[in-house]
Amino acid sequence: MKKHKNTSKTLLLFLTALLIFVFTSPDLSAQKRKKEKQVEHLVFQTNPNGEGIEMSIEFTKGSSHNHPLMAIWVEDMDGNYIQTLYVAQSIAKGYFAYGDKSTGRWMAGEISRPASLPYWAHKRNVKNDIGNYMPKPGFEVADAYSGATPKGNFNLNTRTDKMISGKFRVLMEINQTWDWNKHWTNSKYPDEPDYKTSSQPALVYAAEIDTDSTQKEFPLTVIGRSHHSGADGKLYNDLNTITTALEIVSEIKVILK
């Protein structure tokens, strides 16, 4: 009888210890996924043959980041476009993985999405054969300036085509589909189908670079938004209706080499 009691007591202690372990120990698999997510960081390059200023664009994603499209470019202090440093490949080609639904199923194909990055597109100022400024087959951005869309944090190592002295600006436009909010609703512009591929409008960030300064790091800050359906290339300063779109980016900065 005594032996039976000792066995039961041992079993009880074992089960108690097991329960304590289960409920108090960290989820190791979740920790591993979290760690992998934290260290996710892509390093890639554009315009390797450029002969101008060498820089790195360091991008840290925000809490609402979910495969946004973006373009990064350079302009002078008067706002005149100089060149693109990077643009998402789907935009650069006008060819998307889910661009053709003619068969009833989404397939890869050509499609124009003028609401995606309209500020950059109008700055680039290359009008295509269907009347807008988005790249498409025959009006593509050169491969040297495009690449796959980064899934998270990244460093873009790039160069300008030619040397730039003094001050200039680096800008980024970023847009994430389906990020509706209480103001930018699915039914807000029922007669503007291009709006539905944008939701909250694209946001524009900028930094003023001074090559004569000893400063080497220049943070980009948000300066406005684009047109909700890409109908024009104006910069709109009203951001009071923008919510989660402001959380796509945590930080972005230019580092001169």
C-alpha atoms as a PDB file:
ATOM      1  CA  MET A   1       0.000   0.000   0.000  1.00  0.00           C
ATOM      2  CA  LYS A   2       2.857   2.338   0.930  1.00  0.00           C
ATOM      3  CA  LYS A   3       4.575   1.628  -2.395  1.00  0.00           C
ATOM      4  CA  HIS A   4       1.348   2.398  -4.277  1.00  0.00           C
ATOM      5  CA  LYS A   5       1.038   5.700  -2.449  1.00  0.00           C
ATOM      6  CA  ASN A   6       4.653   6.609  -3.298  1.00  0.00           C
ATOM      7  CA  THR A   7       4.069   5.756  -6.959  1.00  0.00           C
ATOM      8  CA  SER A   8       0.908   7.883  -7.051  1.00  0.00           C
ATOM      9  CA  LYS A   9       2.717  10.738  -5.345  1.00  0.00           C
ATOM     10  CA  THR A  10       5.576  10.545  -7.847  1.00  0.00           C
ATOM     11  CA  LEU A  11       3.137  10.505 -10.758  1.00  0.00           C
ATOM     12  CA  LEU A  12       1.269  13.480  -9.317  1.00  0.00           C
ATOM     13  CA  LEU A  13       4.500  15.443  -8.918  1.00  0.00           C
ATOM     14  CA  PHE A  14       5.484  14.584 -12.498  1.00  0.00           C
ATOM     15  CA  LEU A  15       2.139  15.718 -13.920  1.00  0.00           C
ATOM     16  CA  THR A  16       2.270  18.919 -11.869  1.00  0.00           C
ATOM     17  CA  ALA A  17       5.753  19.686 -13.149  1.00  0.00           C
ATOM     18  CA  LEU A  18       4.643  18.964 -16.706  1.00  0.00           C
ATOM     19  CA  LEU A  19       1.687  21.342 -16.409  1.00  0.00           C
ATOM     20  CA  ILE A  20       3.899  24.048 -14.976  1.00  0.00           C
ATOM     21  CA  PHE A  21       6.321  23.603 -17.893  1.00  0.00           C
ATOM     22  CA  VAL A  22       3.543  23.742 -20.499  1.00  0.00           C
ATOM     23  CA  PHE A  23       1.917  26.879 -19.111  1.00  0.00           C
ATOM     24  CA  THR A  24       5.020  28.837 -18.110  1.00  0.00           C
ATOM     25  CA  SER A  25       7.609  27.884 -20.709  1.00  0.00           C
ATOM     26  CA  PRO A  26       7.910  30.125 -23.792  1.00  0.00           C
ATOM     27  CA  ASP A  27       6.631  28.877 -27.126  1.00  0.00           C
ATOM     28  CA  LEU A  28       9.974  27.978 -28.659  1.00  0.00           C
ATOM     29  CA  SER A  29       8.634  27.667 -32.205  1.00  0.00           C
ATOM     30  CA  ALA A  30       6.939  31.066 -31.920  1.00  0.00           C
ATOM     31  CA  GLN A  31      10.185  32.528 -30.574  1.00  0.00           C
ATOM     32  CA  LYS A  32      12.077  31.043 -33.479  1.00  0.00           C
ATOM     33  CA  ARG A  33       9.601  32.498 -35.995  1.00  0.00           C
ATOM     34  CA  LYS A  34       9.769  35.867 -34.268  1.00  0.00           C
ATOM     35  CA  LYS A  35      13.554  35.823 -34.340  1.00  0.00           C
ATOM     36  CA  GLU A  36      13.605  34.875 -38.024  1.00  0.00           C
ATOM     37  CA  LYS A  37      11.159  37.665 -38.733  1.00  0.00           C
ATOM     38  CA  GLN A  38      13.274  40.160 -36.836  1.00  0.00           C
ATOM     39  CA  VAL A  39      16.489  39.342 -38.685  1.00  0.00           C
ATOM     40  CA  GLU A  40      14.853  39.303 -42.129  1.00  0.00           C
ATOM     41  CA  HIS A  41      16.873  41.872 -44.065  1.00  0.00           C
ATOM     42  CA  LEU A  42      17.480  41.959 -47.814  1.00  0.00           C
ATOM     43  CA  VAL A  43      20.526  43.605 -49.365  1.00  0.00           C
ATOM     44  CA  PHE A  44      20.374  44.265 -53.092  1.00  0.00           C
ATOM     45  CA  GLN A  45      21.787  46.600 -55.709  1.00  0.00           C
ATOM     46  CA  THR A  46      20.617  48.720 -58.626  1.00  0.00           C
ATOM     47  CA  ASN A  47      22.535  50.676 -61.251  1.00  0.00           C
ATOM     48  CA  PRO A  48      25.909  49.011 -60.594  1.00  0.00           C
ATOM     49  CA  ASN A  49      27.431  50.776 -63.601  1.00  0.00           C
ATOM     50  CA  GLY A  50      26.484  54.257 -62.424  1.00  0.00           C
ATOM     51  CA  GLU A  51      29.391  56.713 -62.297  1.00  0.00           C
ATOM     52  CA  GLY A  52      27.902  59.107 -59.767  1.00  0.00           C
ATOM     53  CA  ILE A  53      27.219  59.265 -56.042  1.00  0.00           C
ATOM     54  CA  GLU A  54      27.270  55.951 -54.213  1.00  0.00           C
ATOM     55  CA  MET A  55      24.624  55.568 -51.525  1.00  0.00           C
ATOM     56  CA  SER A  56      22.679  53.047 -49.518  1.00  0.00           C
ATOM     57  CA  ILE A  57      18.944  53.353 -48.884  1.00  0.00           C
ATOM     58  CA  GLU A  58      18.163  51.717 -45.533  1.00  0.00           C
ATOM     59  CA  PHE A  59      14.496  50.794 -45.099  1.00  0.00           C
ATOM     60  CA  THR A  60      12.911  49.534 -41.871  1.00  0.00           C
ATOM     61  CA  LYS A  61       9.346  48.321 -42.176  1.00  0.00           C
ATOM     62  CA  GLY A  62       6.523  49.461 -39.924  1.00  0.00           C
ATOM     63  CA  SER A  63       3.729  47.554 -38.210  1.00  0.00           C
ATOM     64  CA  SER A  64       1.365  47.792 -41.214  1.00  0.00           C
ATOM     65  CA  HIS A  65       3.902  46.723 -43.852  1.00  0.00           C
ATOM     66  CA  ASN A  66       2.431  44.111 -46.211  1.00  0.00           C
ATOM     67  CA  HIS A  67       4.120  43.866 -49.622  1.00  0.00           C
ATOM     68  CA  PRO A  68       3.877  47.545 -50.651  1.00  0.00           C
ATOM     69  CA  LEU A  69       5.015  48.815 -54.029  1.00  0.00           C
ATOM     70  CA  MET A  70       7.556  51.606 -54.088  1.00  0.00           C
ATOM     71  CA  ALA A  71       9.782  53.800 -56.209  1.00  0.00           C
ATOM     72  CA  ILE A  72      12.882  55.733 -55.146  1.00  0.00           C
ATOM     73  CA  TRP A  73      14.305  58.526 -57.256  1.00  0.00           C
ATOM     74  CA  VAL A  74      16.461  61.667 -57.341  1.00  0.00           C
ATOM     75  CA  GLU A  75      15.503  65.212 -58.249  1.00  0.00           C
ATOM     76  CA  ASP A  76      17.118  68.639 -57.998  1.00  0.00           C
ATOM     77  CA  MET A  77      16.185  71.230 -55.412  1.00  0.00           C
ATOM     78  CA  ASP A  78      13.680  72.793 -57.818  1.00  0.00           C
ATOM     79  CA  GLY A  79      11.777  69.529 -58.046  1.00  0.00           C
ATOM     80  CA  ASN A  80      13.032  68.514 -61.477  1.00  0.00           C
ATOM     81  CA  TYR A  81      13.306  64.742 -61.936  1.00  0.00           C
ATOM     82  CA  ILE A  82      16.843  63.468 -62.492  1.00  0.00           C
ATOM     83  CA  GLN A  83      16.593  59.678 -62.425  1.00  0.00           C
ATOM     84  CA  THR A  84      15.050  56.615 -60.822  1.00  0.00           C
ATOM     85  CA  LEU A  85      17.184  54.649 -58.381  1.00  0.00           C
ATOM     86  CA  TYR A  86      14.723  51.797 -57.822  1.00  0.00           C
ATOM     87  CA  VAL A  87      11.175  50.836 -58.726  1.00  0.00           C
ATOM     88  CA  ALA A  88       9.314  47.590 -58.104  1.00  0.00           C
ATOM     89  CA  GLN A  89       9.721  45.276 -61.084  1.00  0.00           C
ATOM     90  CA  SER A  90       5.972  44.814 -61.634  1.00  0.00           C
ATOM     91  CA  ILE A  91       5.593  48.581 -61.992  1.00  0.00           C
ATOM     92  CA  ALA A  92       8.753  48.900 -64.084  1.00  0.00           C
ATOM     93  CA  LYS A  93       7.388  46.393 -66.613  1.00  0.00           C
ATOM     94  CA  GLY A  94       3.649  47.005 -66.302  1.00  0.00           C
ATOM     95  CA  TYR A  95       3.364  43.251 -65.873  1.00  0.00           C
ATOM     96  CA  PHE A  96       1.946  41.775 -62.677  1.00  0.00           C
ATOM     97  CA  ALA A  97       1.771  38.247 -61.302  1.00  0.00           C
ATOM     98  CA  TYR A  98      -1.996  38.825 -60.916  1.00  0.00           C
ATOM     99  CA  GLY A  99      -2.610  41.070 -63.902  1.00  0.00           C
ATOM    100  CA  ASP A 100      -4.901  39.086 -66.197  1.00  0.00           C
ATOM    101  CA  LYS A 101      -8.345  37.770 -65.286  1.00  0.00           C
ATOM    102  CA  SER A 102      -9.617  37.167 -68.808  1.00  0.00           C
ATOM    103  CA  THR A 103      -9.829  33.412 -68.186  1.00  0.00           C
ATOM    104  CA  GLY A 104     -11.816  33.869 -64.973  1.00  0.00           C
ATOM    105  CA  ARG A 105      -8.742  33.238 -62.860  1.00  0.00           C
ATOM    106  CA  TRP A 106      -5.976  35.667 -61.966  1.00  0.00           C
ATOM    107  CA  MET A 107      -2.952  34.992 -64.147  1.00  0.00           C
ATOM    108  CA  ALA A 108       0.273  36.853 -64.843  1.00  0.00           C
ATOM    109  CA  GLY A 109      -0.234  39.561 -67.408  1.00  0.00           C
ATOM    110  CA  GLU A 110       0.010  43.170 -68.517  1.00  0.00           C
ATOM    111  CA  ILE A 111      -2.000  45.715 -66.557  1.00  0.00           C
ATOM    112  CA  SER A 112      -1.838  49.449 -65.940  1.00  0.00           C
ATOM    113  CA  ARG A 113      -2.294  50.682 -62.369  1.00  0.00           C
ATOM    114  CA  PRO A 114      -1.987  54.476 -62.464  1.00  0.00           C
ATOM    115  CA  ALA A 115      -3.022  54.856 -58.800  1.00  0.00           C
ATOM    116  CA  SER A 116      -0.082  52.789 -57.566  1.00  0.00           C
ATOM    117  CA  LEU A 117       2.775  55.324 -57.782  1.00  0.00           C
ATOM    118  CA  PRO A 118       1.391  58.369 -59.628  1.00  0.00           C
ATOM    119  CA  TYR A 119       3.686  61.038 -58.194  1.00  0.00           C
ATOM    120  CA  TRP A 120       6.801  59.184 -59.361  1.00  0.00           C
ATOM    121  CA  ALA A 121       5.213  58.264 -62.699  1.00  0.00           C
ATOM    122  CA  HIS A 122       4.316  61.859 -63.517  1.00  0.00           C
ATOM    123  CA  LYS A 123       7.755  63.044 -62.406  1.00  0.00           C
ATOM    124  CA  ARG A 124       9.339  60.509 -64.756  1.00  0.00           C
ATOM    125  CA  ASN A 125       7.126  62.028 -67.462  1.00  0.00           C
ATOM    126  CA  VAL A 126       7.137  59.210 -70.013  1.00  0.00           C
ATOM    127  CA  LYS A 127       3.668  59.010 -71.518  1.00  0.00           C
ATOM    128  CA  ASN A 128       2.694  55.601 -72.869  1.00  0.00           C
ATOM    129  CA  ASP A 129       0.496  54.697 -75.840  1.00  0.00           C
ATOM    130  CA  ILE A 130      -2.694  54.433 -73.751  1.00  0.00           C
ATOM    131  CA  GLY A 131      -2.415  57.955 -72.422  1.00  0.00           C
ATOM    132  CA  ASN A 132      -1.021  57.650 -68.902  1.00  0.00           C
ATOM    133  CA  TYR A 133       2.454  57.783 -67.395  1.00  0.00           C
ATOM    134  CA  MET A 134       2.814  54.244 -66.096  1.00  0.00           C
ATOM    135  CA  PRO A 135       5.487  51.964 -67.553  1.00  0.00           C
ATOM    136  CA  LYS A 136       4.203  49.152 -69.759  1.00  0.00           C
ATOM    137  CA  PRO A 137       5.646  46.852 -72.423  1.00  0.00           C
ATOM    138  CA  GLY A 138       7.392  49.167 -74.844  1.00  0.00           C
ATOM    139  CA  PHE A 139       7.673  51.883 -72.185  1.00  0.00           C
ATOM    140  CA  GLU A 140       9.508  49.942 -69.466  1.00  0.00           C
ATOM    141  CA  VAL A 141      11.986  51.192 -66.911  1.00  0.00           C
ATOM    142  CA  ALA A 142      15.430  49.761 -67.652  1.00  0.00           C
ATOM    143  CA  ASP A 143      16.346  46.611 -65.712  1.00  0.00           C
ATOM    144  CA  ALA A 144      19.271  48.399 -64.034  1.00  0.00           C
ATOM    145  CA  TYR A 145      16.818  50.471 -61.983  1.00  0.00           C
ATOM    146  CA  SER A 146      14.252  47.840 -61.002  1.00  0.00           C
ATOM    147  CA  GLY A 147      14.018  44.749 -58.851  1.00  0.00           C
ATOM    148  CA  ALA A 148      11.686  42.447 -56.973  1.00  0.00           C
ATOM    149  CA  THR A 149       9.605  43.975 -54.196  1.00  0.00           C
ATOM    150  CA  PRO A 150      11.399  43.440 -50.850  1.00  0.00           C
ATOM    151  CA  LYS A 151       9.253  41.538 -48.357  1.00  0.00           C
ATOM    152  CA  GLY A 152      10.622  43.334 -45.315  1.00  0.00           C
ATOM    153  CA  ASN A 153      13.600  45.424 -44.201  1.00  0.00           C
ATOM    154  CA  PHE A 154      16.230  46.124 -46.823  1.00  0.00           C
ATOM    155  CA  ASN A 155      19.347  47.979 -47.838  1.00  0.00           C
ATOM    156  CA  LEU A 156      19.435  49.183 -51.417  1.00  0.00           C
ATOM    157  CA  ASN A 157      22.967  49.897 -52.625  1.00  0.00           C
ATOM    158  CA  THR A 158      22.829  52.155 -55.643  1.00  0.00           C
ATOM    159  CA  ARG A 159      24.511  54.956 -57.580  1.00  0.00           C
ATOM    160  CA  THR A 160      23.416  57.938 -59.581  1.00  0.00           C
ATOM    161  CA  ASP A 161      24.246  57.848 -63.275  1.00  0.00           C
ATOM    162  CA  LYS A 162      26.449  60.938 -62.993  1.00  0.00           C
ATOM    163  CA  MET A 163      28.066  62.919 -60.206  1.00  0.00           C
ATOM    164  CA  ILE A 164      25.864  65.444 -58.417  1.00  0.00           C
ATOM    165  CA  SER A 165      27.472  68.195 -56.378  1.00  0.00           C
ATOM    166  CA  GLY A 166      25.881  70.285 -53.691  1.00  0.00           C
ATOM    167  CA  LYS A 167      22.272  69.729 -52.729  1.00  0.00           C
ATOM    168  CA  PHE A 168      19.688  67.391 -54.223  1.00  0.00           C
ATOM    169  CA  ARG A 169      16.709  65.380 -53.000  1.00  0.00           C
ATOM    170  CA  VAL A 170      16.007  61.660 -52.693  1.00  0.00           C
ATOM    171  CA  LEU A 171      12.320  60.731 -52.699  1.00  0.00           C
ATOM    172  CA  MET A 172      10.339  57.560 -52.168  1.00  0.00           C
ATOM    173  CA  GLU A 173       6.703  56.904 -53.052  1.00  0.00           C
ATOM    174  CA  ILE A 174       5.073  53.896 -51.422  1.00  0.00           C
ATOM    175  CA  ASN A 175       1.624  52.353 -51.768  1.00  0.00           C
ATOM    176  CA  GLN A 176      -0.082  49.297 -50.327  1.00  0.00           C
ATOM    177  CA  THR A 177      -3.244  47.838 -51.836  1.00  0.00           C
ATOM    178  CA  TRP A 178      -6.325  46.989 -49.750  1.00  0.00           C
ATOM    179  CA  ASP A 179      -5.412  49.196 -46.763  1.00  0.00           C
ATOM    180  CA  TRP A 180      -8.905  50.663 -46.408  1.00  0.00           C
ATOM    181  CA  ASN A 181      -9.879  52.810 -43.438  1.00  0.00           C
ATOM    182  CA  LYS A 182     -12.972  54.726 -42.287  1.00  0.00           C
ATOM    183  CA  HIS A 183     -12.318  57.551 -44.752  1.00  0.00           C
ATOM    184  CA  TRP A 184     -10.807  55.666 -47.685  1.00  0.00           C
ATOM    185  CA  THR A 185     -13.508  53.028 -48.055  1.00  0.00           C
ATOM    186  CA  ASN A 186     -14.062  50.476 -50.798  1.00  0.00           C
ATOM    187  CA  SER A 187     -17.122  52.404 -52.028  1.00  0.00           C
ATOM    188  CA  LYS A 188     -15.739  55.954 -51.766  1.00  0.00           C
ATOM    189  CA  TYR A 189     -15.175  56.445 -55.512  1.00  0.00           C
ATOM    190  CA  PRO A 190     -17.427  53.905 -57.277  1.00  0.00           C
ATOM    191  CA  ASP A 191     -16.843  55.521 -60.681  1.00  0.00           C
ATOM    192  CA  GLU A 192     -13.044  55.410 -60.398  1.00  0.00           C
ATOM    193  CA  PRO A 193     -11.925  51.779 -60.737  1.00  0.00           C
ATOM    194  CA  ASP A 194      -8.242  52.704 -60.426  1.00  0.00           C
ATOM    195  CA  TYR A 195      -8.899  53.898 -56.872  1.00  0.00           C
ATOM    196  CA  LYS A 196      -9.765  50.348 -55.820  1.00  0.00           C
ATOM    197  CA  THR A 197      -6.224  49.194 -56.598  1.00  0.00           C
ATOM    198  CA  SER A 198      -4.825  51.752 -54.170  1.00  0.00           C
ATOM    199  CA  SER A 199      -7.158  52.229 -51.167  1.00  0.00           C
ATOM    200  CA  GLN A 200      -5.341  54.809 -49.010  1.00  0.00           C
ATOM    201  CA  PRO A 201      -3.325  56.913 -51.483  1.00  0.00           C
ATOM    202  CA  ALA A 202       0.394  56.491 -52.018  1.00  0.00           C
ATOM    203  CA  LEU A 203       2.606  58.432 -49.615  1.00  0.00           C
ATOM    204  CA  VAL A 204       5.684  60.430 -50.588  1.00  0.00           C
ATOM    205  CA  TYR A 205       8.817  60.710 -48.439  1.00  0.00           C
ATOM    206  CA  ALA A 206      11.816  62.968 -49.082  1.00  0.00           C
ATOM    207  CA  ALA A 207      15.258  63.885 -47.779  1.00  0.00           C
ATOM    208  CA  GLU A 208      17.495  66.813 -48.709  1.00  0.00           C
ATOM    209  CA  ILE A 209      21.035  65.623 -49.407  1.00  0.00           C
ATOM    210  CA  ASP A 210      24.051  67.911 -49.208  1.00  0.00           C
ATOM    211  CA  THR A 211      27.257  66.469 -50.593  1.00  0.00           C
ATOM    212  CA  ASP A 212      29.248  69.392 -49.155  1.00  0.00           C
ATOM    213  CA  SER A 213      28.147  68.536 -45.625  1.00  0.00           C
ATOM    214  CA  THR A 214      29.998  66.261 -43.211  1.00  0.00           C
ATOM    215  CA  GLN A 215      26.664  64.563 -42.543  1.00  0.00           C
ATOM    216  CA  LYS A 216      26.447  61.108 -44.082  1.00  0.00           C
ATOM    217  CA  GLU A 217      22.979  59.931 -43.003  1.00  0.00           C
ATOM    218  CA  PHE A 218      19.805  61.682 -44.131  1.00  0.00           C
ATOM    219  CA  PRO A 219      16.379  60.487 -42.913  1.00  0.00           C
ATOM    220  CA  LEU A 220      13.412  60.647 -45.262  1.00  0.00           C
ATOM    221  CA  THR A 221      10.217  62.133 -43.835  1.00  0.00           C
ATOM    222  CA  VAL A 222       6.697  62.049 -45.239  1.00  0.00           C
ATOM    223  CA  ILE A 223       5.847  65.202 -47.217  1.00  0.00           C
ATOM    224  CA  GLY A 224       2.423  64.360 -48.637  1.00  0.00           C
ATOM    225  CA  ARG A 225       0.255  61.936 -50.541  1.00  0.00           C
ATOM    226  CA  SER A 226      -0.546  61.268 -54.174  1.00  0.00           C
ATOM    227  CA  HIS A 227      -3.872  61.447 -56.018  1.00  0.00           C
ATOM    228  CA  HIS A 228      -6.187  58.639 -54.894  1.00  0.00           C
ATOM    229  CA  SER A 229      -6.695  57.258 -58.412  1.00  0.00           C
ATOM    230  CA  GLY A 230      -3.567  58.556 -60.122  1.00  0.00           C
ATOM    231  CA  ALA A 231      -5.422  61.130 -62.198  1.00  0.00           C
ATOM    232  CA  ASP A 232      -2.648  63.694 -61.736  1.00  0.00           C
ATOM    233  CA  GLY A 233       0.897  64.034 -60.470  1.00  0.00           C
ATOM    234  CA  LYS A 234       0.247  66.596 -57.746  1.00  0.00           C
ATOM    235  CA  LEU A 235       1.444  66.315 -54.181  1.00  0.00           C
ATOM    236  CA  TYR A 236      -1.385  66.643 -51.651  1.00  0.00           C
ATOM    237  CA  ASN A 237      -0.459  67.784 -48.154  1.00  0.00           C
ATOM    238  CA  ASP A 238      -3.595  66.685 -46.285  1.00  0.00           C
ATOM    239  CA  LEU A 239      -2.693  63.599 -44.292  1.00  0.00           C
ATOM    240  CA  ASN A 240      -5.368  63.814 -41.592  1.00  0.00           C
ATOM    241  CA  THR A 241      -7.343  60.927 -43.152  1.00  0.00           C
ATOM    242  CA  ILE A 242      -4.303  58.662 -43.517  1.00  0.00           C
ATOM    243  CA  THR A 243      -3.942  55.992 -40.825  1.00  0.00           C
ATOM    244  CA  THR A 244      -2.254  52.622 -41.344  1.00  0.00           C
ATOM    245  CA  ALA A 245      -0.532  53.816 -44.531  1.00  0.00           C
ATOM    246  CA  LEU A 246       1.670  55.938 -42.248  1.00  0.00           C
ATOM    247  CA  GLU A 247       2.725  52.735 -40.489  1.00  0.00           C
ATOM    248  CA  ILE A 248       4.039  50.938 -43.577  1.00  0.00           C
ATOM    249  CA  VAL A 249       7.422  52.581 -42.984  1.00  0.00           C
ATOM    250  CA  SER A 250       9.135  52.732 -39.612  1.00  0.00           C
ATOM    251  CA  GLU A 251      12.278  54.442 -40.881  1.00  0.00           C
ATOM    252  CA  ILE A 252      14.020  55.139 -44.159  1.00  0.00           C
ATOM    253  CA  LYS A 253      17.286  56.956 -44.629  1.00  0.00           C
ATOM    254  CA  VAL A 254      19.982  57.646 -47.186  1.00  0.00           C
ATOM    255  CA  ILE A 255      23.567  56.823 -46.254  1.00  0.00           C
ATOM    256  CA  LEU A 256      26.244  58.352 -48.438  1.00  0.00           C
ATOM    257  CA  LYS A 257      29.231  56.102 -49.072  1.00  0.00           C
END
